[in-house]
Amino acid sequence: QVQLVESGGGLVQPGGSLRLSCVASGLIFEIYDTAWYRQVPGKERELVASENSGSSDGSANYAAAVKGRFTISRDNAKNTVYLQMNSLKPEDTAVYYCKGDRVGGTYWGQGTQVTVSS
């Protein structure tokens, strides 16, 4: 059974940082394209960052709103994908989801809430 579990969300002040983690079981993240999405109530889920399997640093893709502030990375030994979020803004408030994708299967985590507020 495949399961993705996000953690690391919470309440942070504007300008602060958080690191989200997504641990996978039942699949090997190393061979999956991975991505982070976010969603606020009443809006569609939007892509935040993505990285293809086997890619090296610098080949990730980012939404314009987070480029230069967020970094996606992975630790294959821990079967974990991360999203480092710096210089957070109130508009970054959302539920953040990780996704693993390859031919034959797409999997989502349950989401973790990030709230940026003073």
C-alpha atoms as a PDB file:
ATOM      1  CA  GLN A   1       0.000   0.000   0.000  1.00  0.00           C
ATOM      2  CA  VAL A   2       1.404   3.373  -1.061  1.00  0.00           C
ATOM      3  CA  GLN A   3       1.308   6.197   1.434  1.00  0.00           C
ATOM      4  CA  LEU A   4       2.718   9.713   1.380  1.00  0.00           C
ATOM      5  CA  VAL A   5       2.766  11.575   4.689  1.00  0.00           C
ATOM      6  CA  GLU A   6       3.529  15.278   4.912  1.00  0.00           C
ATOM      7  CA  SER A   7       4.697  17.046   8.038  1.00  0.00           C
ATOM      8  CA  GLY A   8       6.326  20.297   9.090  1.00  0.00           C
ATOM      9  CA  GLY A   9       3.465  22.704   8.618  1.00  0.00           C
ATOM     10  CA  GLY A  10       2.364  25.171  11.244  1.00  0.00           C
ATOM     11  CA  LEU A  11       1.999  28.806  12.134  1.00  0.00           C
ATOM     12  CA  VAL A  12       4.871  31.129  11.259  1.00  0.00           C
ATOM     13  CA  GLN A  13       5.308  34.898  11.170  1.00  0.00           C
ATOM     14  CA  PRO A  14       5.851  36.729   7.890  1.00  0.00           C
ATOM     15  CA  GLY A  15       9.490  36.515   6.899  1.00  0.00           C
ATOM     16  CA  GLY A  16       9.941  33.217   8.699  1.00  0.00           C
ATOM     17  CA  SER A  17      10.846  29.777   7.386  1.00  0.00           C
ATOM     18  CA  LEU A  18       9.442  26.263   7.433  1.00  0.00           C
ATOM     19  CA  ARG A  19      10.611  22.972   6.000  1.00  0.00           C
ATOM     20  CA  LEU A  20       7.964  20.538   4.878  1.00  0.00           C
ATOM     21  CA  SER A  21       8.729  16.838   4.650  1.00  0.00           C
ATOM     22  CA  CYS A  22       6.975  14.119   2.690  1.00  0.00           C
ATOM     23  CA  VAL A  23       7.864  10.549   3.575  1.00  0.00           C
ATOM     24  CA  ALA A  24       6.836   7.787   1.205  1.00  0.00           C
ATOM     25  CA  SER A  25       6.104   4.164   1.958  1.00  0.00           C
ATOM     26  CA  GLY A  26       5.226   1.527  -0.600  1.00  0.00           C
ATOM     27  CA  LEU A  27       7.122   3.268  -3.383  1.00  0.00           C
ATOM     28  CA  ILE A  28      10.644   4.397  -4.138  1.00  0.00           C
ATOM     29  CA  PHE A  29      10.720   8.166  -4.476  1.00  0.00           C
ATOM     30  CA  GLU A  30      13.971   8.028  -6.401  1.00  0.00           C
ATOM     31  CA  ILE A  31      12.189   6.816  -9.541  1.00  0.00           C
ATOM     32  CA  TYR A  32       9.225   9.174  -9.209  1.00  0.00           C
ATOM     33  CA  ASP A  33       8.765  12.713 -10.398  1.00  0.00           C
ATOM     34  CA  THR A  34       7.859  14.655  -7.283  1.00  0.00           C
ATOM     35  CA  ALA A  35       6.060  17.908  -6.674  1.00  0.00           C
ATOM     36  CA  TRP A  36       4.550  20.139  -4.030  1.00  0.00           C
ATOM     37  CA  TYR A  37       1.162  21.751  -4.532  1.00  0.00           C
ATOM     38  CA  ARG A  38      -0.900  24.064  -2.365  1.00  0.00           C
ATOM     39  CA  GLN A  39      -4.567  24.869  -2.067  1.00  0.00           C
ATOM     40  CA  VAL A  40      -6.647  27.495  -0.329  1.00  0.00           C
ATOM     41  CA  PRO A  41     -10.402  27.215   0.188  1.00  0.00           C
ATOM     42  CA  GLY A  42     -12.386  28.091  -2.914  1.00  0.00           C
ATOM     43  CA  LYS A  43      -9.408  27.863  -5.249  1.00  0.00           C
ATOM     44  CA  GLU A  44      -7.876  25.144  -7.375  1.00  0.00           C
ATOM     45  CA  ARG A  45      -4.818  23.289  -6.221  1.00  0.00           C
ATOM     46  CA  GLU A  46      -1.748  24.960  -7.697  1.00  0.00           C
ATOM     47  CA  LEU A  47       1.732  23.699  -8.450  1.00  0.00           C
ATOM     48  CA  VAL A  48       4.422  25.180  -6.212  1.00  0.00           C
ATOM     49  CA  ALA A  49       7.546  23.213  -7.137  1.00  0.00           C
ATOM     50  CA  SER A  50       8.440  20.083  -9.060  1.00  0.00           C
ATOM     51  CA  GLU A  51      11.460  17.951  -9.755  1.00  0.00           C
ATOM     52  CA  ASN A  52      11.858  15.047 -12.143  1.00  0.00           C
ATOM     53  CA  SER A  53      13.316  11.744 -11.022  1.00  0.00           C
ATOM     54  CA  GLY A  54      17.045  11.536 -11.530  1.00  0.00           C
ATOM     55  CA  SER A  55      17.416  15.288 -11.835  1.00  0.00           C
ATOM     56  CA  SER A  56      20.274  17.159 -10.216  1.00  0.00           C
ATOM     57  CA  ASP A  57      20.183  20.423  -8.298  1.00  0.00           C
ATOM     58  CA  GLY A  58      19.084  23.341 -10.406  1.00  0.00           C
ATOM     59  CA  SER A  59      16.705  21.458 -12.631  1.00  0.00           C
ATOM     60  CA  ALA A  60      13.613  21.954 -10.483  1.00  0.00           C
ATOM     61  CA  ASN A  61      10.703  24.101 -11.572  1.00  0.00           C
ATOM     62  CA  TYR A  62       8.975  26.683  -9.405  1.00  0.00           C
ATOM     63  CA  ALA A  63       5.878  28.804  -9.561  1.00  0.00           C
ATOM     64  CA  ALA A  64       6.710  32.444 -10.149  1.00  0.00           C
ATOM     65  CA  ALA A  65       5.235  33.393  -6.770  1.00  0.00           C
ATOM     66  CA  VAL A  66       7.742  31.256  -4.853  1.00  0.00           C
ATOM     67  CA  LYS A  67      10.827  31.284  -7.068  1.00  0.00           C
ATOM     68  CA  GLY A  68      13.880  32.332  -5.105  1.00  0.00           C
ATOM     69  CA  ARG A  69      12.172  31.636  -1.769  1.00  0.00           C
ATOM     70  CA  PHE A  70      11.258  27.927  -1.925  1.00  0.00           C
ATOM     71  CA  THR A  71      13.487  24.943  -2.663  1.00  0.00           C
ATOM     72  CA  ILE A  72      12.423  21.386  -3.430  1.00  0.00           C
ATOM     73  CA  SER A  73      14.853  18.604  -2.639  1.00  0.00           C
ATOM     74  CA  ARG A  74      14.896  14.903  -1.900  1.00  0.00           C
ATOM     75  CA  ASP A  75      16.828  12.444   0.256  1.00  0.00           C
ATOM     76  CA  ASN A  76      16.609   9.114  -1.519  1.00  0.00           C
ATOM     77  CA  ALA A  77      18.121   7.245   1.416  1.00  0.00           C
ATOM     78  CA  LYS A  78      15.223   8.440   3.583  1.00  0.00           C
ATOM     79  CA  ASN A  79      12.656   8.154   0.781  1.00  0.00           C
ATOM     80  CA  THR A  80      11.689  11.727   1.594  1.00  0.00           C
ATOM     81  CA  VAL A  81      10.998  14.892  -0.375  1.00  0.00           C
ATOM     82  CA  TYR A  82      11.352  18.315   1.201  1.00  0.00           C
ATOM     83  CA  LEU A  83      10.115  21.821   0.561  1.00  0.00           C
ATOM     84  CA  GLN A  84      12.224  24.503   2.210  1.00  0.00           C
ATOM     85  CA  MET A  85      10.196  27.700   2.444  1.00  0.00           C
ATOM     86  CA  ASN A  86      11.942  30.963   3.307  1.00  0.00           C
ATOM     87  CA  SER A  87      10.778  34.565   3.488  1.00  0.00           C
ATOM     88  CA  LEU A  88       7.228  33.399   3.948  1.00  0.00           C
ATOM     89  CA  LYS A  89       4.368  35.740   3.154  1.00  0.00           C
ATOM     90  CA  PRO A  90       0.722  35.739   4.290  1.00  0.00           C
ATOM     91  CA  GLU A  91      -0.275  34.751   0.760  1.00  0.00           C
ATOM     92  CA  ASP A  92       1.679  31.502   1.177  1.00  0.00           C
ATOM     93  CA  THR A  93      -0.981  30.371   3.637  1.00  0.00           C
ATOM     94  CA  ALA A  94      -2.495  27.138   2.300  1.00  0.00           C
ATOM     95  CA  VAL A  95      -2.650  23.397   2.694  1.00  0.00           C
ATOM     96  CA  TYR A  96       0.458  21.935   1.087  1.00  0.00           C
ATOM     97  CA  TYR A  97       0.404  18.540  -0.625  1.00  0.00           C
ATOM     98  CA  CYS A  98       3.188  16.379  -1.993  1.00  0.00           C
ATOM     99  CA  LYS A  99       2.778  14.216  -5.056  1.00  0.00           C
ATOM    100  CA  GLY A 100       4.689  11.311  -6.524  1.00  0.00           C
ATOM    101  CA  ASP A 101       4.119  10.567 -10.187  1.00  0.00           C
ATOM    102  CA  ARG A 102       5.318   8.090 -12.767  1.00  0.00           C
ATOM    103  CA  VAL A 103       3.818   5.942 -15.499  1.00  0.00           C
ATOM    104  CA  GLY A 104       1.338   3.673 -13.836  1.00  0.00           C
ATOM    105  CA  GLY A 105       0.605   5.692 -10.748  1.00  0.00           C
ATOM    106  CA  THR A 106       0.103   9.110  -9.181  1.00  0.00           C
ATOM    107  CA  TYR A 107      -0.017   9.431  -5.421  1.00  0.00           C
ATOM    108  CA  TRP A 108      -0.895  12.300  -3.101  1.00  0.00           C
ATOM    109  CA  GLY A 109      -0.336  12.942   0.551  1.00  0.00           C
ATOM    110  CA  GLN A 110      -3.053  14.120   2.922  1.00  0.00           C
ATOM    111  CA  GLY A 111      -1.705  17.668   3.177  1.00  0.00           C
ATOM    112  CA  THR A 112      -0.213  19.843   5.882  1.00  0.00           C
ATOM    113  CA  GLN A 113      -1.473  23.292   6.850  1.00  0.00           C
ATOM    114  CA  VAL A 114       0.859  26.272   6.594  1.00  0.00           C
ATOM    115  CA  THR A 115      -0.339  29.550   8.086  1.00  0.00           C
ATOM    116  CA  VAL A 116       1.690  32.735   7.749  1.00  0.00           C
ATOM    117  CA  SER A 117       0.401  35.401  10.075  1.00  0.00           C
ATOM    118  CA  SER A 118       1.593  37.899  12.643  1.00  0.00           C
END
